[in-house]
Amino acid sequence: MQQLAVCESGSWGPQSQPIYGGRGAYHGRFQFTARTYITYQQRHDGTVLTTREAIDAAQDYDKAMKLASFMIFELGESWHWPLCSRKLGIPAKVQEINSL
């Protein structure tokens, strides 16, 4: 997950300043859109977030990392990060982990 965060935003871990990409459309180390964060958080545990709550959560490294992990390892949806996922070989790594 650290490698994905570095690829997406240039670093990993908590950050004191908000991180934005795509002219403000993407948030945090994992570059979530608010809509994606809202949708997958609800799928993950039923929590319904407002747009502001989703943006704040996406900026929280630990929360965003947990949601990204759910999306990648439990749902198999690494395609949300197309370039970095391919570059890091995430689909193959997930397949290898799931076969254990």
PDB file of N, CA and C in Angstrom:
ATOM      1  N   MET A   1       0.825  -1.181   0.000  1.00  0.00           N
ATOM      2  CA  MET A   1       0.000   0.000   0.000  1.00  0.00           C
ATOM      3  C   MET A   1       0.875   1.253   0.000  1.00  0.00           C
ATOM      4  N   GLN A   2       2.023   1.157   0.642  1.00  0.00           N
ATOM      5  CA  GLN A   2       2.947   2.291   0.625  1.00  0.00           C
ATOM      6  C   GLN A   2       3.392   2.613  -0.796  1.00  0.00           C
ATOM      7  N   GLN A   3       3.711   1.582  -1.563  1.00  0.00           N
ATOM      8  CA  GLN A   3       4.150   1.797  -2.940  1.00  0.00           C
ATOM      9  C   GLN A   3       3.054   2.440  -3.780  1.00  0.00           C
ATOM     10  N   LEU A   4       1.812   2.036  -3.564  1.00  0.00           N
ATOM     11  CA  LEU A   4       0.700   2.627  -4.304  1.00  0.00           C
ATOM     12  C   LEU A   4       0.547   4.101  -3.929  1.00  0.00           C
ATOM     13  N   ALA A   5       0.629   4.401  -2.656  1.00  0.00           N
ATOM     14  CA  ALA A   5       0.512   5.797  -2.213  1.00  0.00           C
ATOM     15  C   ALA A   5       1.637   6.650  -2.793  1.00  0.00           C
ATOM     16  N   VAL A   6       2.846   6.115  -2.800  1.00  0.00           N
ATOM     17  CA  VAL A   6       3.988   6.861  -3.366  1.00  0.00           C
ATOM     18  C   VAL A   6       3.767   7.091  -4.854  1.00  0.00           C
ATOM     19  N   CYS A   7       3.320   6.063  -5.557  1.00  0.00           N
ATOM     20  CA  CYS A   7       3.089   6.198  -6.995  1.00  0.00           C
ATOM     21  C   CYS A   7       1.997   7.224  -7.281  1.00  0.00           C
ATOM     22  N   GLU A   8       0.929   7.186  -6.514  1.00  0.00           N
ATOM     23  CA  GLU A   8      -0.205   8.079  -6.758  1.00  0.00           C
ATOM     24  C   GLU A   8       0.077   9.529  -6.363  1.00  0.00           C
ATOM     25  N   SER A   9       0.771   9.729  -5.237  1.00  0.00           N
ATOM     26  CA  SER A   9       0.891  11.098  -4.713  1.00  0.00           C
ATOM     27  C   SER A   9       2.317  11.549  -4.415  1.00  0.00           C
ATOM     28  N   GLY A  10       3.272  10.653  -4.566  1.00  0.00           N
ATOM     29  CA  GLY A  10       4.655  11.049  -4.347  1.00  0.00           C
ATOM     30  C   GLY A  10       5.205  10.731  -2.974  1.00  0.00           C
ATOM     31  N   SER A  11       4.379  10.246  -2.071  1.00  0.00           N
ATOM     32  CA  SER A  11       4.839   9.896  -0.729  1.00  0.00           C
ATOM     33  C   SER A  11       3.785   9.028  -0.058  1.00  0.00           C
ATOM     34  N   TRP A  12       4.051   8.604   1.160  1.00  0.00           N
ATOM     35  CA  TRP A  12       3.085   7.800   1.895  1.00  0.00           C
ATOM     36  C   TRP A  12       3.048   8.303   3.330  1.00  0.00           C
ATOM     37  N   GLY A  13       2.050   7.876   4.066  1.00  0.00           N
ATOM     38  CA  GLY A  13       1.912   8.249   5.460  1.00  0.00           C
ATOM     39  C   GLY A  13       1.144   9.540   5.653  1.00  0.00           C
ATOM     40  N   PRO A  14       0.928   9.884   6.931  1.00  0.00           N
ATOM     41  CA  PRO A  14       0.173  11.095   7.257  1.00  0.00           C
ATOM     42  C   PRO A  14       0.849  12.348   6.711  1.00  0.00           C
ATOM     43  N   GLN A  15       0.035  13.339   6.418  1.00  0.00           N
ATOM     44  CA  GLN A  15       0.514  14.607   5.853  1.00  0.00           C
ATOM     45  C   GLN A  15      -0.216  15.724   6.570  1.00  0.00           C
ATOM     46  N   SER A  16       0.490  16.767   6.958  1.00  0.00           N
ATOM     47  CA  SER A  16      -0.148  17.872   7.677  1.00  0.00           C
ATOM     48  C   SER A  16      -0.974  18.762   6.752  1.00  0.00           C
ATOM     49  N   GLN A  17      -0.632  18.810   5.488  1.00  0.00           N
ATOM     50  CA  GLN A  17      -1.369  19.617   4.514  1.00  0.00           C
ATOM     51  C   GLN A  17      -2.195  18.701   3.612  1.00  0.00           C
ATOM     52  N   PRO A  18      -3.397  19.141   3.210  1.00  0.00           N
ATOM     53  CA  PRO A  18      -4.196  18.334   2.287  1.00  0.00           C
ATOM     54  C   PRO A  18      -3.464  18.102   0.962  1.00  0.00           C
ATOM     55  N   ILE A  19      -3.719  16.953   0.374  1.00  0.00           N
ATOM     56  CA  ILE A  19      -3.107  16.585  -0.898  1.00  0.00           C
ATOM     57  C   ILE A  19      -4.221  16.518  -1.941  1.00  0.00           C
ATOM     58  N   TYR A  20      -4.034  17.238  -3.035  1.00  0.00           N
ATOM     59  CA  TYR A  20      -5.018  17.258  -4.106  1.00  0.00           C
ATOM     60  C   TYR A  20      -4.350  16.913  -5.427  1.00  0.00           C
ATOM     61  N   GLY A  21      -5.114  16.311  -6.306  1.00  0.00           N
ATOM     62  CA  GLY A  21      -4.642  16.025  -7.657  1.00  0.00           C
ATOM     63  C   GLY A  21      -5.767  16.276  -8.629  1.00  0.00           C
ATOM     64  N   GLY A  22      -5.455  16.276  -9.889  1.00  0.00           N
ATOM     65  CA  GLY A  22      -6.475  16.454 -10.908  1.00  0.00           C
ATOM     66  C   GLY A  22      -7.285  17.719 -10.723  1.00  0.00           C
ATOM     67  N   ARG A  23      -6.590  18.821 -10.460  1.00  0.00           N
ATOM     68  CA  ARG A  23      -7.242  20.136 -10.256  1.00  0.00           C
ATOM     69  C   ARG A  23      -8.261  20.109  -9.130  1.00  0.00           C
ATOM     70  N   GLY A  24      -7.941  19.347  -8.086  1.00  0.00           N
ATOM     71  CA  GLY A  24      -8.803  19.304  -6.907  1.00  0.00           C
ATOM     72  C   GLY A  24      -9.829  18.193  -6.901  1.00  0.00           C
ATOM     73  N   ALA A  25      -9.863  17.389  -7.952  1.00  0.00           N
ATOM     74  CA  ALA A  25     -10.851  16.308  -8.039  1.00  0.00           C
ATOM     75  C   ALA A  25     -10.454  15.089  -7.213  1.00  0.00           C
ATOM     76  N   TYR A  26      -9.159  14.918  -6.959  1.00  0.00           N
ATOM     77  CA  TYR A  26      -8.647  13.747  -6.243  1.00  0.00           C
ATOM     78  C   TYR A  26      -8.049  14.189  -4.917  1.00  0.00           C
ATOM     79  N   HIS A  27      -8.239  13.330  -3.901  1.00  0.00           N
ATOM     80  CA  HIS A  27      -7.873  13.707  -2.547  1.00  0.00           C
ATOM     81  C   HIS A  27      -7.003  12.655  -1.868  1.00  0.00           C
ATOM     82  N   GLY A  28      -6.008  13.126  -1.120  1.00  0.00           N
ATOM     83  CA  GLY A  28      -5.201  12.253  -0.291  1.00  0.00           C
ATOM     84  C   GLY A  28      -4.136  11.480  -1.041  1.00  0.00           C
ATOM     85  N   ARG A  29      -3.409  10.678  -0.282  1.00  0.00           N
ATOM     86  CA  ARG A  29      -2.315   9.887  -0.846  1.00  0.00           C
ATOM     87  C   ARG A  29      -2.772   8.911  -1.919  1.00  0.00           C
ATOM     88  N   PHE A  30      -4.011   8.394  -1.766  1.00  0.00           N
ATOM     89  CA  PHE A  30      -4.498   7.400  -2.715  1.00  0.00           C
ATOM     90  C   PHE A  30      -5.360   8.013  -3.809  1.00  0.00           C
ATOM     91  N   GLN A  31      -5.466   9.336  -3.821  1.00  0.00           N
ATOM     92  CA  GLN A  31      -6.130  10.090  -4.878  1.00  0.00           C
ATOM     93  C   GLN A  31      -7.554   9.608  -5.145  1.00  0.00           C
ATOM     94  N   PHE A  32      -8.356   9.554  -4.085  1.00  0.00           N
ATOM     95  CA  PHE A  32      -9.770   9.204  -4.197  1.00  0.00           C
ATOM     96  C   PHE A  32     -10.589  10.398  -4.661  1.00  0.00           C
ATOM     97  N   THR A  33     -11.639  10.157  -5.440  1.00  0.00           N
ATOM     98  CA  THR A  33     -12.660  11.180  -5.632  1.00  0.00           C
ATOM     99  C   THR A  33     -13.611  11.032  -4.442  1.00  0.00           C
ATOM    100  N   ALA A  34     -14.319  12.084  -4.138  1.00  0.00           N
ATOM    101  CA  ALA A  34     -15.273  12.022  -3.027  1.00  0.00           C
ATOM    102  C   ALA A  34     -16.336  10.953  -3.295  1.00  0.00           C
ATOM    103  N   ARG A  35     -16.836  10.901  -4.523  1.00  0.00           N
ATOM    104  CA  ARG A  35     -17.884   9.935  -4.876  1.00  0.00           C
ATOM    105  C   ARG A  35     -17.391   8.494  -4.713  1.00  0.00           C
ATOM    106  N   THR A  36     -16.177   8.210  -5.148  1.00  0.00           N
ATOM    107  CA  THR A  36     -15.627   6.854  -4.995  1.00  0.00           C
ATOM    108  C   THR A  36     -15.496   6.506  -3.527  1.00  0.00           C
ATOM    109  N   TYR A  37     -14.994   7.443  -2.736  1.00  0.00           N
ATOM    110  CA  TYR A  37     -14.827   7.173  -1.306  1.00  0.00           C
ATOM    111  C   TYR A  37     -16.181   6.897  -0.655  1.00  0.00           C
ATOM    112  N   ILE A  38     -17.184   7.703  -0.970  1.00  0.00           N
ATOM    113  CA  ILE A  38     -18.515   7.523  -0.404  1.00  0.00           C
ATOM    114  C   ILE A  38     -19.079   6.152  -0.781  1.00  0.00           C
ATOM    115  N   THR A  39     -18.997   5.815  -2.044  1.00  0.00           N
ATOM    116  CA  THR A  39     -19.550   4.556  -2.542  1.00  0.00           C
ATOM    117  C   THR A  39     -18.904   3.346  -1.886  1.00  0.00           C
ATOM    118  N   TYR A  40     -17.580   3.326  -1.852  1.00  0.00           N
ATOM    119  CA  TYR A  40     -16.898   2.144  -1.331  1.00  0.00           C
ATOM    120  C   TYR A  40     -16.900   2.080   0.184  1.00  0.00           C
ATOM    121  N   GLN A  41     -16.983   3.206   0.861  1.00  0.00           N
ATOM    122  CA  GLN A  41     -17.114   3.169   2.319  1.00  0.00           C
ATOM    123  C   GLN A  41     -18.451   2.552   2.697  1.00  0.00           C
ATOM    124  N   GLN A  42     -19.483   2.904   1.951  1.00  0.00           N
ATOM    125  CA  GLN A  42     -20.795   2.324   2.220  1.00  0.00           C
ATOM    126  C   GLN A  42     -20.788   0.820   1.931  1.00  0.00           C
ATOM    127  N   ARG A  43     -20.135   0.410   0.867  1.00  0.00           N
ATOM    128  CA  ARG A  43     -20.025  -1.021   0.555  1.00  0.00           C
ATOM    129  C   ARG A  43     -19.226  -1.755   1.616  1.00  0.00           C
ATOM    130  N   HIS A  44     -18.220  -1.077   2.161  1.00  0.00           N
ATOM    131  CA  HIS A  44     -17.339  -1.714   3.133  1.00  0.00           C
ATOM    132  C   HIS A  44     -18.027  -1.969   4.467  1.00  0.00           C
ATOM    133  N   ASP A  45     -18.662  -0.947   5.029  1.00  0.00           N
ATOM    134  CA  ASP A  45     -19.247  -1.136   6.364  1.00  0.00           C
ATOM    135  C   ASP A  45     -20.614  -0.485   6.564  1.00  0.00           C
ATOM    136  N   GLY A  46     -21.204   0.000   5.482  1.00  0.00           N
ATOM    137  CA  GLY A  46     -22.532   0.578   5.588  1.00  0.00           C
ATOM    138  C   GLY A  46     -22.572   2.049   5.984  1.00  0.00           C
ATOM    139  N   THR A  47     -21.419   2.650   6.260  1.00  0.00           N
ATOM    140  CA  THR A  47     -21.365   4.048   6.660  1.00  0.00           C
ATOM    141  C   THR A  47     -21.690   4.944   5.475  1.00  0.00           C
ATOM    142  N   VAL A  48     -22.617   5.879   5.675  1.00  0.00           N
ATOM    143  CA  VAL A  48     -22.980   6.844   4.639  1.00  0.00           C
ATOM    144  C   VAL A  48     -22.311   8.168   5.000  1.00  0.00           C
ATOM    145  N   LEU A  49     -21.436   8.629   4.126  1.00  0.00           N
ATOM    146  CA  LEU A  49     -20.682   9.856   4.366  1.00  0.00           C
ATOM    147  C   LEU A  49     -21.198  11.003   3.513  1.00  0.00           C
ATOM    148  N   THR A  50     -21.024  12.201   4.021  1.00  0.00           N
ATOM    149  CA  THR A  50     -21.259  13.392   3.208  1.00  0.00           C
ATOM    150  C   THR A  50     -20.019  13.593   2.337  1.00  0.00           C
ATOM    151  N   THR A  51     -20.120  14.489   1.377  1.00  0.00           N
ATOM    152  CA  THR A  51     -18.961  14.796   0.532  1.00  0.00           C
ATOM    153  C   THR A  51     -17.806  15.311   1.384  1.00  0.00           C
ATOM    154  N   ARG A  52     -18.081  16.205   2.316  1.00  0.00           N
ATOM    155  CA  ARG A  52     -17.027  16.760   3.182  1.00  0.00           C
ATOM    156  C   ARG A  52     -16.370  15.670   4.020  1.00  0.00           C
ATOM    157  N   GLU A  53     -17.179  14.753   4.575  1.00  0.00           N
ATOM    158  CA  GLU A  53     -16.638  13.657   5.373  1.00  0.00           C
ATOM    159  C   GLU A  53     -15.767  12.738   4.516  1.00  0.00           C
ATOM    160  N   ALA A  54     -16.189  12.496   3.280  1.00  0.00           N
ATOM    161  CA  ALA A  54     -15.413  11.641   2.378  1.00  0.00           C
ATOM    162  C   ALA A  54     -14.075  12.287   2.033  1.00  0.00           C
ATOM    163  N   ILE A  55     -14.086  13.578   1.773  1.00  0.00           N
ATOM    164  CA  ILE A  55     -12.833  14.290   1.462  1.00  0.00           C
ATOM    165  C   ILE A  55     -11.899  14.250   2.661  1.00  0.00           C
ATOM    166  N   ASP A  56     -12.448  14.494   3.849  1.00  0.00           N
ATOM    167  CA  ASP A  56     -11.627  14.450   5.067  1.00  0.00           C
ATOM    168  C   ASP A  56     -11.054  13.047   5.291  1.00  0.00           C
ATOM    169  N   ALA A  57     -11.872  12.024   5.079  1.00  0.00           N
ATOM    170  CA  ALA A  57     -11.411  10.643   5.257  1.00  0.00           C
ATOM    171  C   ALA A  57     -10.341  10.287   4.226  1.00  0.00           C
ATOM    172  N   ALA A  58     -10.508  10.753   2.997  1.00  0.00           N
ATOM    173  CA  ALA A  58      -9.518  10.471   1.951  1.00  0.00           C
ATOM    174  C   ALA A  58      -8.176  11.124   2.276  1.00  0.00           C
ATOM    175  N   GLN A  59      -8.210  12.225   3.004  1.00  0.00           N
ATOM    176  CA  GLN A  59      -6.971  12.906   3.402  1.00  0.00           C
ATOM    177  C   GLN A  59      -6.303  12.220   4.595  1.00  0.00           C
ATOM    178  N   ASP A  60      -7.039  11.370   5.318  1.00  0.00           N
ATOM    179  CA  ASP A  60      -6.501  10.626   6.459  1.00  0.00           C
ATOM    180  C   ASP A  60      -5.841   9.351   5.924  1.00  0.00           C
ATOM    181  N   TYR A  61      -4.517   9.288   6.010  1.00  0.00           N
ATOM    182  CA  TYR A  61      -3.785   8.185   5.389  1.00  0.00           C
ATOM    183  C   TYR A  61      -4.289   6.821   5.852  1.00  0.00           C
ATOM    184  N   ASP A  62      -4.466   6.644   7.144  1.00  0.00           N
ATOM    185  CA  ASP A  62      -4.856   5.333   7.661  1.00  0.00           C
ATOM    186  C   ASP A  62      -6.242   4.914   7.173  1.00  0.00           C
ATOM    187  N   LYS A  63      -7.196   5.838   7.210  1.00  0.00           N
ATOM    188  CA  LYS A  63      -8.547   5.525   6.730  1.00  0.00           C
ATOM    189  C   LYS A  63      -8.540   5.216   5.235  1.00  0.00           C
ATOM    190  N   ALA A  64      -7.841   6.038   4.476  1.00  0.00           N
ATOM    191  CA  ALA A  64      -7.792   5.837   3.019  1.00  0.00           C
ATOM    192  C   ALA A  64      -7.080   4.536   2.671  1.00  0.00           C
ATOM    193  N   MET A  65      -6.019   4.215   3.403  1.00  0.00           N
ATOM    194  CA  MET A  65      -5.286   2.973   3.150  1.00  0.00           C
ATOM    195  C   MET A  65      -6.165   1.761   3.433  1.00  0.00           C
ATOM    196  N   LYS A  66      -6.947   1.814   4.500  1.00  0.00           N
ATOM    197  CA  LYS A  66      -7.842   0.703   4.810  1.00  0.00           C
ATOM    198  C   LYS A  66      -8.901   0.525   3.724  1.00  0.00           C
ATOM    199  N   LEU A  67      -9.442   1.635   3.226  1.00  0.00           N
ATOM    200  CA  LEU A  67     -10.449   1.528   2.172  1.00  0.00           C
ATOM    201  C   LEU A  67      -9.824   1.040   0.867  1.00  0.00           C
ATOM    202  N   ALA A  68      -8.647   1.548   0.531  1.00  0.00           N
ATOM    203  CA  ALA A  68      -7.958   1.082  -0.680  1.00  0.00           C
ATOM    204  C   ALA A  68      -7.638  -0.407  -0.570  1.00  0.00           C
ATOM    205  N   SER A  69      -7.229  -0.859   0.602  1.00  0.00           N
ATOM    206  CA  SER A  69      -6.940  -2.282   0.815  1.00  0.00           C
ATOM    207  C   SER A  69      -8.192  -3.125   0.598  1.00  0.00           C
ATOM    208  N   PHE A  70      -9.316  -2.664   1.127  1.00  0.00           N
ATOM    209  CA  PHE A  70     -10.588  -3.359   0.924  1.00  0.00           C
ATOM    210  C   PHE A  70     -10.903  -3.461  -0.570  1.00  0.00           C
ATOM    211  N   MET A  71     -10.751  -2.353  -1.262  1.00  0.00           N
ATOM    212  CA  MET A  71     -11.071  -2.318  -2.688  1.00  0.00           C
ATOM    213  C   MET A  71     -10.172  -3.260  -3.487  1.00  0.00           C
ATOM    214  N   ILE A  72      -8.903  -3.296  -3.140  1.00  0.00           N
ATOM    215  CA  ILE A  72      -7.943  -4.103  -3.896  1.00  0.00           C
ATOM    216  C   ILE A  72      -7.997  -5.574  -3.504  1.00  0.00           C
ATOM    217  N   PHE A  73      -7.906  -5.863  -2.206  1.00  0.00           N
ATOM    218  CA  PHE A  73      -7.753  -7.246  -1.766  1.00  0.00           C
ATOM    219  C   PHE A  73      -9.065  -7.994  -1.572  1.00  0.00           C
ATOM    220  N   GLU A  74     -10.117  -7.295  -1.169  1.00  0.00           N
ATOM    221  CA  GLU A  74     -11.380  -7.990  -0.962  1.00  0.00           C
ATOM    222  C   GLU A  74     -12.278  -7.950  -2.191  1.00  0.00           C
ATOM    223  N   LEU A  75     -12.239  -6.834  -2.915  1.00  0.00           N
ATOM    224  CA  LEU A  75     -13.084  -6.720  -4.103  1.00  0.00           C
ATOM    225  C   LEU A  75     -12.329  -6.994  -5.404  1.00  0.00           C
ATOM    226  N   GLY A  76     -11.000  -6.978  -5.350  1.00  0.00           N
ATOM    227  CA  GLY A  76     -10.203  -7.206  -6.549  1.00  0.00           C
ATOM    228  C   GLY A  76     -10.279  -6.068  -7.546  1.00  0.00           C
ATOM    229  N   GLU A  77     -10.472  -4.861  -7.053  1.00  0.00           N
ATOM    230  CA  GLU A  77     -10.661  -3.711  -7.933  1.00  0.00           C
ATOM    231  C   GLU A  77      -9.456  -2.764  -7.921  1.00  0.00           C
ATOM    232  N   SER A  78      -8.336  -3.270  -8.351  1.00  0.00           N
ATOM    233  CA  SER A  78      -7.139  -2.421  -8.433  1.00  0.00           C
ATOM    234  C   SER A  78      -7.209  -1.474  -9.626  1.00  0.00           C
ATOM    235  N   TRP A  79      -8.198  -1.648 -10.493  1.00  0.00           N
ATOM    236  CA  TRP A  79      -8.332  -0.802 -11.683  1.00  0.00           C
ATOM    237  C   TRP A  79      -8.644   0.650 -11.350  1.00  0.00           C
ATOM    238  N   HIS A  80      -8.989   0.943 -10.104  1.00  0.00           N
ATOM    239  CA  HIS A  80      -9.233   2.340  -9.728  1.00  0.00           C
ATOM    240  C   HIS A  80      -7.954   3.171  -9.809  1.00  0.00           C
ATOM    241  N   TRP A  81      -6.823   2.515  -9.807  1.00  0.00           N
ATOM    242  CA  TRP A  81      -5.514   3.161  -9.923  1.00  0.00           C
ATOM    243  C   TRP A  81      -4.820   2.565 -11.147  1.00  0.00           C
ATOM    244  N   PRO A  82      -5.298   2.871 -12.345  1.00  0.00           N
ATOM    245  CA  PRO A  82      -4.861   2.150 -13.542  1.00  0.00           C
ATOM    246  C   PRO A  82      -3.359   2.192 -13.823  1.00  0.00           C
ATOM    247  N   LEU A  83      -2.759   3.350 -13.794  1.00  0.00           N
ATOM    248  CA  LEU A  83      -1.333   3.431 -14.130  1.00  0.00           C
ATOM    249  C   LEU A  83      -0.464   2.816 -13.048  1.00  0.00           C
ATOM    250  N   CYS A  84      -0.697   3.214 -11.820  1.00  0.00           N
ATOM    251  CA  CYS A  84       0.139   2.725 -10.722  1.00  0.00           C
ATOM    252  C   CYS A  84      -0.094   1.240 -10.463  1.00  0.00           C
ATOM    253  N   SER A  85      -1.320   0.789 -10.614  1.00  0.00           N
ATOM    254  CA  SER A  85      -1.623  -0.618 -10.421  1.00  0.00           C
ATOM    255  C   SER A  85      -0.844  -1.479 -11.411  1.00  0.00           C
ATOM    256  N   ARG A  86      -0.842  -1.052 -12.665  1.00  0.00           N
ATOM    257  CA  ARG A  86      -0.088  -1.772 -13.688  1.00  0.00           C
ATOM    258  C   ARG A  86       1.416  -1.685 -13.425  1.00  0.00           C
ATOM    259  N   LYS A  87       1.871  -0.483 -13.142  1.00  0.00           N
ATOM    260  CA  LYS A  87       3.300  -0.256 -12.905  1.00  0.00           C
ATOM    261  C   LYS A  87       3.820  -1.125 -11.753  1.00  0.00           C
ATOM    262  N   LEU A  88       3.023  -1.255 -10.696  1.00  0.00           N
ATOM    263  CA  LEU A  88       3.433  -2.014  -9.516  1.00  0.00           C
ATOM    264  C   LEU A  88       3.090  -3.498  -9.594  1.00  0.00           C
ATOM    265  N   GLY A  89       2.361  -3.893 -10.620  1.00  0.00           N
ATOM    266  CA  GLY A  89       1.982  -5.303 -10.763  1.00  0.00           C
ATOM    267  C   GLY A  89       0.985  -5.763  -9.709  1.00  0.00           C
ATOM    268  N   ILE A  90       0.116  -4.867  -9.285  1.00  0.00           N
ATOM    269  CA  ILE A  90      -0.814  -5.187  -8.207  1.00  0.00           C
ATOM    270  C   ILE A  90      -1.765  -6.327  -8.560  1.00  0.00           C
ATOM    271  N   PRO A  91      -2.370  -6.375  -9.749  1.00  0.00           N
ATOM    272  CA  PRO A  91      -3.282  -7.497 -10.035  1.00  0.00           C
ATOM    273  C   PRO A  91      -2.605  -8.865  -9.878  1.00  0.00           C
ATOM    274  N   ALA A  92      -1.389  -9.008 -10.344  1.00  0.00           N
ATOM    275  CA  ALA A  92      -0.673 -10.278 -10.212  1.00  0.00           C
ATOM    276  C   ALA A  92      -0.358 -10.588  -8.750  1.00  0.00           C
ATOM    277  N   LYS A  93       0.005  -9.555  -7.991  1.00  0.00           N
ATOM    278  CA  LYS A  93       0.303  -9.753  -6.567  1.00  0.00           C
ATOM    279  C   LYS A  93      -0.940 -10.178  -5.806  1.00  0.00           C
ATOM    280  N   VAL A  94      -2.078  -9.566  -6.123  1.00  0.00           N
ATOM    281  CA  VAL A  94      -3.333  -9.930  -5.470  1.00  0.00           C
ATOM    282  C   VAL A  94      -3.701 -11.372  -5.811  1.00  0.00           C
ATOM    283  N   GLN A  95      -3.554 -11.733  -7.065  1.00  0.00           N
ATOM    284  CA  GLN A  95      -3.856 -13.096  -7.483  1.00  0.00           C
ATOM    285  C   GLN A  95      -2.961 -14.097  -6.745  1.00  0.00           C
ATOM    286  N   GLU A  96      -1.687 -13.756  -6.600  1.00  0.00           N
ATOM    287  CA  GLU A  96      -0.754 -14.620  -5.874  1.00  0.00           C
ATOM    288  C   GLU A  96      -1.156 -14.751  -4.414  1.00  0.00           C
ATOM    289  N   ILE A  97      -1.512 -13.670  -3.770  1.00  0.00           N
ATOM    290  CA  ILE A  97      -1.923 -13.688  -2.376  1.00  0.00           C
ATOM    291  C   ILE A  97      -3.196 -14.513  -2.206  1.00  0.00           C
ATOM    292  N   ASN A  98      -4.152 -14.307  -3.093  1.00  0.00           N
ATOM    293  CA  ASN A  98      -5.423 -15.026  -2.996  1.00  0.00           C
ATOM    294  C   ASN A  98      -5.280 -16.524  -3.244  1.00  0.00           C
ATOM    295  N   SER A  99      -4.238 -16.923  -3.946  1.00  0.00           N
ATOM    296  CA  SER A  99      -4.029 -18.346  -4.223  1.00  0.00           C
ATOM    297  C   SER A  99      -3.377 -19.079  -3.056  1.00  0.00           C
ATOM    298  N   LEU A 100      -2.876 -18.341  -2.078  1.00  0.00           N
ATOM    299  CA  LEU A 100      -2.218 -18.981  -0.925  1.00  0.00           C
ATOM    300  C   LEU A 100      -3.195 -19.634   0.010  1.00  0.00           C
TER     301      LEU A 100
END
